[in-house]
Amino acid sequence: MGVSADAPGTLVAFTKENNLHHQLLSDFPRRTMLTAYDAVITDPASPIFRYAKRAYFIVDRQGVIRYTKVQENPLELLKPEVQALKESGAK
């Protein structure tokens, strides 16, 4: 499952276009989850003002967060996240 700051309609189109097999949830427009997980930036100088950071959370079936990474730079590579996902036992 993934969570995005994009609107639900955008996520539906993205899912179809990329043939995704996992659910994408929208945290739009209030960005409540992103704020709770410290994964949102508020920048008065930006034309967007509030936008999502690139963030990864691996949550087990009991709802326990097993891995967290919130990136200030969205261009950072995903290699550590892929390894953490494998180690978590997620299928």
Protein backbone atom coordinates (compact mmCIF):
# COMPACT_ATOMS: atom_id res chain seq x y z
CA MET A 1 0.00 0.00 0.00
CA GLY A 2 1.17 3.51 -0.68
CA VAL A 3 0.04 6.92 0.53
CA SER A 4 0.32 10.06 -1.53
CA ALA A 5 -0.44 13.75 -1.18
CA ASP A 6 -2.06 13.62 -4.63
CA ALA A 7 -5.83 13.73 -5.18
CA PRO A 8 -7.68 10.37 -5.45
CA GLY A 9 -8.42 10.79 -9.17
CA THR A 10 -4.74 11.33 -9.89
CA LEU A 11 -3.86 8.14 -8.01
CA VAL A 12 -6.46 6.12 -9.94
CA ALA A 13 -4.97 7.29 -13.23
CA PHE A 14 -1.40 6.67 -12.00
CA THR A 15 -2.33 3.15 -10.86
CA LYS A 16 -3.88 2.28 -14.24
CA GLU A 17 -1.09 3.88 -16.27
CA ASN A 18 1.61 2.02 -14.34
CA ASN A 19 -0.33 -1.25 -13.93
CA LEU A 20 0.17 -1.23 -10.16
CA HIS A 21 -1.08 -4.15 -8.10
CA HIS A 22 -1.10 -2.45 -4.72
CA GLN A 23 -3.48 0.11 -3.32
CA LEU A 24 -2.63 3.82 -3.28
CA LEU A 25 -4.35 5.98 -0.67
CA SER A 26 -4.73 9.74 -0.84
CA ASP A 27 -3.85 12.07 2.03
CA PHE A 28 -5.30 14.99 0.05
CA PRO A 29 -6.21 17.74 0.80
CA ARG A 30 -5.48 17.96 4.54
CA ARG A 31 -2.30 15.83 4.56
CA THR A 32 -3.16 14.54 8.04
CA MET A 33 -1.07 11.38 7.81
CA LEU A 34 1.89 13.16 6.29
CA THR A 35 1.85 15.71 9.09
CA ALA A 36 1.55 13.02 11.78
CA TYR A 37 4.56 11.19 10.35
CA ASP A 38 6.60 14.39 9.87
CA ALA A 39 6.59 13.83 6.12
CA VAL A 40 5.36 17.24 4.96
CA ILE A 41 7.20 20.49 4.32
CA THR A 42 5.60 23.88 4.92
CA ASP A 43 7.49 26.51 2.97
CA PRO A 44 5.94 30.00 2.74
CA ALA A 45 8.42 30.83 -0.05
CA SER A 46 7.20 27.94 -2.22
CA PRO A 47 4.26 28.37 -4.62
CA ILE A 48 3.00 24.98 -3.38
CA PHE A 49 3.38 26.04 0.32
CA ARG A 50 2.80 22.52 1.79
CA TYR A 51 4.16 19.48 0.03
CA ALA A 52 5.14 15.92 0.85
CA LYS A 53 8.64 14.72 1.57
CA ARG A 54 9.71 11.39 0.07
CA ALA A 55 9.08 9.00 2.95
CA TYR A 56 9.05 5.25 3.48
CA PHE A 57 7.42 3.35 6.33
CA ILE A 58 7.29 -0.43 6.61
CA VAL A 59 4.40 -1.43 8.84
CA ASP A 60 3.78 -5.04 9.84
CA ARG A 61 0.37 -6.73 9.96
CA GLN A 62 -0.06 -5.71 13.60
CA GLY A 63 0.40 -2.06 12.71
CA VAL A 64 3.89 -1.78 14.19
CA ILE A 65 6.24 0.47 12.24
CA ARG A 66 9.34 -1.62 11.53
CA TYR A 67 11.25 0.84 9.37
CA THR A 68 11.11 4.59 8.77
CA LYS A 69 13.00 6.86 6.44
CA VAL A 70 11.95 10.42 5.66
CA GLN A 71 14.13 11.97 3.00
CA GLU A 72 14.76 15.67 2.75
CA ASN A 73 15.99 15.12 -0.81
CA PRO A 74 13.58 13.05 -2.95
CA LEU A 75 16.43 12.14 -5.30
CA GLU A 76 18.05 9.85 -2.73
CA LEU A 77 18.18 6.26 -3.91
CA LEU A 78 15.84 3.51 -2.69
CA LYS A 79 18.42 0.79 -2.14
CA PRO A 80 18.14 0.79 1.71
CA GLU A 81 14.32 0.66 1.50
CA VAL A 82 14.34 -2.36 -0.81
CA GLN A 83 16.67 -4.20 1.58
CA ALA A 84 14.52 -3.27 4.60
CA LEU A 85 11.43 -4.52 2.79
CA LYS A 86 13.11 -7.87 2.11
CA GLU A 87 14.27 -8.14 5.73
CA SER A 88 10.80 -7.34 7.06
CA GLY A 89 9.41 -10.57 5.61
CA ALA A 90 6.69 -8.69 3.68
CA LYS A 91 5.23 -10.53 0.70
